């Protein structure tokens, strides 16, 4: 080693995946969507400590990362559903393994 600290690269696959999962509430929103498609209201009810602004920000971030899709059904009133994309479903096994690792680490920390 030459003593230099390497900078994370925005095109590193690990950094890209971690960027999609960043944020305190992101994994909880993903967990809710892994149980099925949800309206904004249903997500809000299932995560009552999450403010509307933060929920909106998390959903926007996940949509930009291609993890969640948003579909608006016209009617009165309009209905909006959020669902995991194929990429979103690819994250599921990672979160399950993080959960298992966390259980093991919790005993050590």
Protein backbone atom coordinates (compact mmCIF):
# COMPACT_ATOMS: atom_id res chain seq x y z
CA UNK A 1 0.00 0.00 0.00
CA UNK A 2 1.22 3.50 -0.71
CA UNK A 3 -0.60 5.19 2.20
CA UNK A 4 -3.27 6.88 0.07
CA UNK A 5 -6.90 6.69 1.06
CA UNK A 6 -9.07 5.57 -1.80
CA UNK A 7 -12.19 7.57 -2.55
CA UNK A 8 -15.47 5.76 -3.16
CA UNK A 9 -16.34 5.81 -6.84
CA UNK A 10 -19.88 6.58 -7.94
CA UNK A 11 -19.71 3.80 -10.52
CA UNK A 12 -18.62 1.10 -8.04
CA UNK A 13 -21.43 -1.50 -7.94
CA UNK A 14 -21.32 -1.74 -4.13
CA UNK A 15 -21.57 2.04 -3.80
CA UNK A 16 -24.49 2.11 -6.24
CA UNK A 17 -26.38 -0.52 -4.21
CA UNK A 18 -25.62 1.20 -0.91
CA UNK A 19 -26.74 4.54 -2.35
CA UNK A 20 -30.14 3.02 -3.14
CA UNK A 21 -30.46 1.77 0.46
CA UNK A 22 -29.24 4.90 2.22
CA UNK A 23 -31.40 6.67 4.75
CA UNK A 24 -32.88 5.83 8.10
CA UNK A 25 -36.33 4.85 6.79
CA UNK A 26 -35.50 3.35 3.41
CA UNK A 27 -35.28 -0.27 4.50
CA UNK A 28 -38.55 0.03 6.44
CA UNK A 29 -40.36 1.39 3.38
CA UNK A 30 -38.89 -1.46 1.33
CA UNK A 31 -40.01 -3.96 3.96
CA UNK A 32 -43.59 -2.69 3.69
CA UNK A 33 -43.53 -2.93 -0.11
CA UNK A 34 -42.18 -6.48 0.09
CA UNK A 35 -45.56 -7.39 1.60
CA UNK A 36 -47.29 -6.13 -1.55
CA UNK A 37 -48.29 -3.01 -3.44
CA UNK A 38 -49.26 -0.13 -1.17
CA UNK A 39 -50.92 3.23 -1.51
CA UNK A 40 -49.24 6.27 -0.02
CA UNK A 41 -51.84 6.27 2.76
CA UNK A 42 -51.23 2.60 3.59
CA UNK A 43 -47.48 3.21 3.76
CA UNK A 44 -48.04 6.23 5.97
CA UNK A 45 -50.28 4.23 8.32
CA UNK A 46 -47.85 1.33 8.57
CA UNK A 47 -44.99 3.71 9.44
CA UNK A 48 -46.70 6.20 11.79
CA UNK A 49 -43.47 7.80 13.07
CA UNK A 50 -42.44 8.71 9.54
CA UNK A 51 -43.43 12.24 8.49
CA UNK A 52 -45.16 12.81 5.15
CA UNK A 53 -42.17 14.81 3.89
CA UNK A 54 -39.70 12.05 4.71
CA UNK A 55 -41.96 9.35 3.22
CA UNK A 56 -42.27 11.39 0.03
CA UNK A 57 -38.49 11.88 -0.07
CA UNK A 58 -37.81 8.16 0.46
CA UNK A 59 -40.29 7.12 -2.25
CA UNK A 60 -38.84 9.70 -4.66
CA UNK A 61 -35.31 8.44 -3.96
CA UNK A 62 -36.33 4.80 -4.47
CA UNK A 63 -38.09 5.69 -7.72
CA UNK A 64 -35.00 7.52 -9.01
CA UNK A 65 -32.89 4.46 -8.16
CA UNK A 66 -35.30 2.23 -10.09
CA UNK A 67 -36.28 0.23 -7.01
CA UNK A 68 -39.91 1.35 -6.72
CA UNK A 69 -42.51 2.26 -9.33
CA UNK A 70 -45.52 4.52 -8.92
CA UNK A 71 -48.77 3.93 -10.80
CA UNK A 72 -51.68 6.39 -10.79
CA UNK A 73 -55.14 5.00 -11.42
CA UNK A 74 -57.52 7.67 -12.68
CA UNK A 75 -60.85 7.99 -10.98
CA UNK A 76 -62.49 9.91 -8.22
CA UNK A 77 -60.39 10.13 -6.26
CA UNK A 78 -57.25 9.11 -8.13
CA UNK A 79 -55.48 6.11 -6.61
CA UNK A 80 -51.71 5.81 -6.50
CA UNK A 81 -49.92 2.54 -5.84
CA UNK A 82 -46.26 1.97 -5.11
CA UNK A 83 -44.64 -1.37 -5.89
CA UNK A 84 -41.21 -2.89 -6.06
CA UNK A 85 -39.66 -3.18 -9.49
CA UNK A 86 -37.65 -6.23 -10.55
CA UNK A 87 -34.59 -4.43 -9.19
CA UNK A 88 -36.43 -3.84 -5.93
CA UNK A 89 -37.13 -7.56 -5.60
CA UNK A 90 -33.42 -8.27 -6.16
CA UNK A 91 -32.71 -6.33 -2.95
CA UNK A 92 -34.91 -8.65 -0.84
CA UNK A 93 -32.31 -11.41 -0.27
CA UNK A 94 -29.72 -8.77 0.66
CA UNK A 95 -32.02 -7.30 3.30
CA UNK A 96 -32.81 -10.76 4.67
CA UNK A 97 -29.12 -11.51 5.00
CA UNK A 98 -28.48 -8.11 6.63
CA UNK A 99 -31.25 -8.94 9.10
CA UNK A 100 -29.67 -12.29 9.95
CA UNK A 101 -26.23 -10.72 10.28
CA UNK A 102 -27.69 -8.03 12.53
CA UNK A 103 -29.19 -10.68 14.81
CA UNK A 104 -25.77 -12.32 15.17
CA UNK A 105 -23.97 -9.01 15.65
CA UNK A 106 -26.50 -7.76 18.20
CA UNK A 107 -25.31 -10.52 20.50
CA UNK A 108 -21.71 -9.35 20.11
CA UNK A 109 -22.09 -5.57 20.36
